[in-house]
Amino acid sequence: MSSRAAQTARDPLPTERSALNFELHEGENVVGRDWSARIRIDSPSISRHHARITISGNEATIEDLGSRNGTSVRGRRVRQITPLAAGDTILFGTIAGTFHVLDNPPSTESAPN
């Protein structure tokens, strides 16, 4: 994979303005309140298994997993698997996030002599 994906979540409530950053890995990344979720967000508006972000090569998709408060991308409710693009705004219940694509950091390995 030539790039890494990251998702930044921000609770829109005025009392919680800090951003959380999560690195997404190749394959399935479940977002939810459950301890088994790769992206764990402890908020009452988040279901235990809220959504799934799938990274496959340079493509990313999101799907809602039947969450109570829904998932939206670019202001539209996610009702089926939806492609993600850099800069997309994602809403998990009341938790807002932004999807970012990051370049891989340069290798620290030395070249063979």
C-alpha atoms as a PDB file:
ATOM      1  CA  MET A   1       0.000   0.000   0.000  1.00  0.00           C
ATOM      2  CA  SER A   2       1.520   3.298  -1.040  1.00  0.00           C
ATOM      3  CA  SER A   3      -0.390   5.380   1.469  1.00  0.00           C
ATOM      4  CA  ARG A   4      -1.812   5.096   4.940  1.00  0.00           C
ATOM      5  CA  ALA A   5      -5.268   6.217   5.888  1.00  0.00           C
ATOM      6  CA  ALA A   6      -6.132   8.033   9.055  1.00  0.00           C
ATOM      7  CA  GLN A   7      -9.395   9.147  10.501  1.00  0.00           C
ATOM      8  CA  THR A   8      -9.730  12.043  12.915  1.00  0.00           C
ATOM      9  CA  ALA A   9     -12.734  12.061  15.240  1.00  0.00           C
ATOM     10  CA  ARG A  10     -14.008  15.134  17.047  1.00  0.00           C
ATOM     11  CA  ASP A  11     -16.940  15.368  19.398  1.00  0.00           C
ATOM     12  CA  PRO A  12     -18.923  18.453  18.348  1.00  0.00           C
ATOM     13  CA  LEU A  13     -19.983  19.199  21.936  1.00  0.00           C
ATOM     14  CA  PRO A  14     -18.423  22.474  23.153  1.00  0.00           C
ATOM     15  CA  THR A  15     -16.983  20.788  26.266  1.00  0.00           C
ATOM     16  CA  GLU A  16     -14.976  18.263  24.216  1.00  0.00           C
ATOM     17  CA  ARG A  17     -12.942  19.897  21.462  1.00  0.00           C
ATOM     18  CA  SER A  18      -9.917  17.609  21.379  1.00  0.00           C
ATOM     19  CA  ALA A  19      -9.324  15.576  18.213  1.00  0.00           C
ATOM     20  CA  LEU A  20      -8.481  11.899  18.309  1.00  0.00           C
ATOM     21  CA  ASN A  21      -6.391  10.373  15.544  1.00  0.00           C
ATOM     22  CA  PHE A  22      -6.647   6.739  14.531  1.00  0.00           C
ATOM     23  CA  GLU A  23      -4.459   4.928  12.042  1.00  0.00           C
ATOM     24  CA  LEU A  24      -6.470   2.640   9.793  1.00  0.00           C
ATOM     25  CA  HIS A  25      -4.932  -0.628   8.661  1.00  0.00           C
ATOM     26  CA  GLU A  26      -5.322  -2.676   5.491  1.00  0.00           C
ATOM     27  CA  GLY A  27      -8.538  -4.689   5.724  1.00  0.00           C
ATOM     28  CA  GLU A  28     -11.462  -4.102   8.067  1.00  0.00           C
ATOM     29  CA  ASN A  29     -11.427  -1.404  10.760  1.00  0.00           C
ATOM     30  CA  VAL A  30     -14.522  -1.574  12.965  1.00  0.00           C
ATOM     31  CA  VAL A  31     -15.546   1.668  14.666  1.00  0.00           C
ATOM     32  CA  GLY A  32     -17.523   1.293  17.880  1.00  0.00           C
ATOM     33  CA  ARG A  33     -17.812   1.408  21.648  1.00  0.00           C
ATOM     34  CA  ASP A  34     -16.941  -2.262  22.130  1.00  0.00           C
ATOM     35  CA  TRP A  35     -13.475  -3.123  23.452  1.00  0.00           C
ATOM     36  CA  SER A  36     -12.939  -5.348  20.399  1.00  0.00           C
ATOM     37  CA  ALA A  37     -13.364  -2.417  17.959  1.00  0.00           C
ATOM     38  CA  ARG A  38     -10.131  -1.385  16.238  1.00  0.00           C
ATOM     39  CA  ILE A  39     -11.328   2.245  16.448  1.00  0.00           C
ATOM     40  CA  ARG A  40     -12.851   2.529  19.921  1.00  0.00           C
ATOM     41  CA  ILE A  41     -14.883   5.658  20.637  1.00  0.00           C
ATOM     42  CA  ASP A  42     -16.468   5.770  24.075  1.00  0.00           C
ATOM     43  CA  SER A  43     -19.577   7.877  23.491  1.00  0.00           C
ATOM     44  CA  PRO A  44     -23.254   7.134  24.152  1.00  0.00           C
ATOM     45  CA  SER A  45     -24.076   8.026  20.517  1.00  0.00           C
ATOM     46  CA  ILE A  46     -21.763   5.246  19.240  1.00  0.00           C
ATOM     47  CA  SER A  47     -23.031   1.668  18.957  1.00  0.00           C
ATOM     48  CA  ARG A  48     -20.840  -1.216  20.118  1.00  0.00           C
ATOM     49  CA  HIS A  49     -20.176  -2.108  16.451  1.00  0.00           C
ATOM     50  CA  HIS A  50     -21.129   1.135  14.726  1.00  0.00           C
ATOM     51  CA  ALA A  51     -19.423   1.169  11.311  1.00  0.00           C
ATOM     52  CA  ARG A  52     -16.719  -0.541   9.297  1.00  0.00           C
ATOM     53  CA  ILE A  53     -14.020   1.243   7.297  1.00  0.00           C
ATOM     54  CA  THR A  54     -12.290  -1.075   4.853  1.00  0.00           C
ATOM     55  CA  ILE A  55      -8.905  -0.256   3.367  1.00  0.00           C
ATOM     56  CA  SER A  56      -7.981  -2.180   0.218  1.00  0.00           C
ATOM     57  CA  GLY A  57      -4.845  -0.956  -1.521  1.00  0.00           C
ATOM     58  CA  ASN A  58      -5.378   2.747  -2.213  1.00  0.00           C
ATOM     59  CA  GLU A  59      -9.161   2.572  -1.804  1.00  0.00           C
ATOM     60  CA  ALA A  60     -11.271   3.010   1.307  1.00  0.00           C
ATOM     61  CA  THR A  61     -14.960   2.348   1.917  1.00  0.00           C
ATOM     62  CA  ILE A  62     -17.306   2.744   4.856  1.00  0.00           C
ATOM     63  CA  GLU A  63     -20.488   0.946   5.818  1.00  0.00           C
ATOM     64  CA  ASP A  64     -22.862   1.364   8.729  1.00  0.00           C
ATOM     65  CA  LEU A  65     -23.292  -1.816  10.780  1.00  0.00           C
ATOM     66  CA  GLY A  66     -26.909  -1.181  11.757  1.00  0.00           C
ATOM     67  CA  SER A  67     -26.013   1.452  14.332  1.00  0.00           C
ATOM     68  CA  ARG A  68     -28.772   3.147  16.285  1.00  0.00           C
ATOM     69  CA  ASN A  69     -27.665   6.721  15.510  1.00  0.00           C
ATOM     70  CA  GLY A  70     -26.379   6.160  11.980  1.00  0.00           C
ATOM     71  CA  THR A  71     -23.297   7.066  10.009  1.00  0.00           C
ATOM     72  CA  SER A  72     -23.059   9.898   7.470  1.00  0.00           C
ATOM     73  CA  VAL A  73     -20.432  10.829   4.883  1.00  0.00           C
ATOM     74  CA  ARG A  74     -20.421  14.288   3.271  1.00  0.00           C
ATOM     75  CA  GLY A  75     -23.788  14.968   4.953  1.00  0.00           C
ATOM     76  CA  ARG A  76     -25.493  11.867   3.473  1.00  0.00           C
ATOM     77  CA  ARG A  77     -26.630   8.896   5.507  1.00  0.00           C
ATOM     78  CA  VAL A  78     -24.630   5.731   4.750  1.00  0.00           C
ATOM     79  CA  ARG A  79     -27.113   3.044   3.655  1.00  0.00           C
ATOM     80  CA  GLN A  80     -24.715   0.907   1.618  1.00  0.00           C
ATOM     81  CA  ILE A  81     -20.970   0.535   1.182  1.00  0.00           C
ATOM     82  CA  THR A  82     -19.737   4.053   0.358  1.00  0.00           C
ATOM     83  CA  PRO A  83     -16.327   5.069  -1.047  1.00  0.00           C
ATOM     84  CA  LEU A  84     -14.229   7.455   1.059  1.00  0.00           C
ATOM     85  CA  ALA A  85     -11.977  10.181  -0.306  1.00  0.00           C
ATOM     86  CA  ALA A  86      -9.380  12.362   1.387  1.00  0.00           C
ATOM     87  CA  GLY A  87     -11.044  15.180   3.297  1.00  0.00           C
ATOM     88  CA  ASP A  88     -14.435  13.470   3.640  1.00  0.00           C
ATOM     89  CA  THR A  89     -16.378  14.427   6.739  1.00  0.00           C
ATOM     90  CA  ILE A  90     -17.782  11.404   8.580  1.00  0.00           C
ATOM     91  CA  LEU A  91     -20.408  11.524  11.317  1.00  0.00           C
ATOM     92  CA  PHE A  92     -20.655   8.508  13.648  1.00  0.00           C
ATOM     93  CA  GLY A  93     -23.782   9.279  15.680  1.00  0.00           C
ATOM     94  CA  THR A  94     -22.854  12.716  17.076  1.00  0.00           C
ATOM     95  CA  ILE A  95     -19.090  12.226  16.687  1.00  0.00           C
ATOM     96  CA  ALA A  96     -17.632  14.050  13.687  1.00  0.00           C
ATOM     97  CA  GLY A  97     -14.479  12.900  11.928  1.00  0.00           C
ATOM     98  CA  THR A  98     -12.398  13.660   8.871  1.00  0.00           C
ATOM     99  CA  PHE A  99     -10.845  11.022   6.661  1.00  0.00           C
ATOM    100  CA  HIS A 100      -7.214  11.741   5.720  1.00  0.00           C
ATOM    101  CA  VAL A 101      -4.829   9.899   3.427  1.00  0.00           C
ATOM    102  CA  LEU A 102      -1.238  10.058   4.640  1.00  0.00           C
ATOM    103  CA  ASP A 103       1.886   9.233   2.662  1.00  0.00           C
ATOM    104  CA  ASN A 104       4.016   6.445   4.051  1.00  0.00           C
ATOM    105  CA  PRO A 105       6.913   7.790   6.065  1.00  0.00           C
ATOM    106  CA  PRO A 106      10.318   7.252   4.487  1.00  0.00           C
ATOM    107  CA  SER A 107      12.081   4.047   5.483  1.00  0.00           C
ATOM    108  CA  THR A 108      14.766   4.280   8.146  1.00  0.00           C
ATOM    109  CA  GLU A 109      16.453   1.185   6.760  1.00  0.00           C
ATOM    110  CA  SER A 110      19.907   1.696   5.307  1.00  0.00           C
ATOM    111  CA  ALA A 111      20.471   0.743   1.692  1.00  0.00           C
ATOM    112  CA  PRO A 112      22.685  -2.337   1.257  1.00  0.00           C
ATOM    113  CA  ASN A 113      26.298  -1.563   0.367  1.00  0.00           C
END
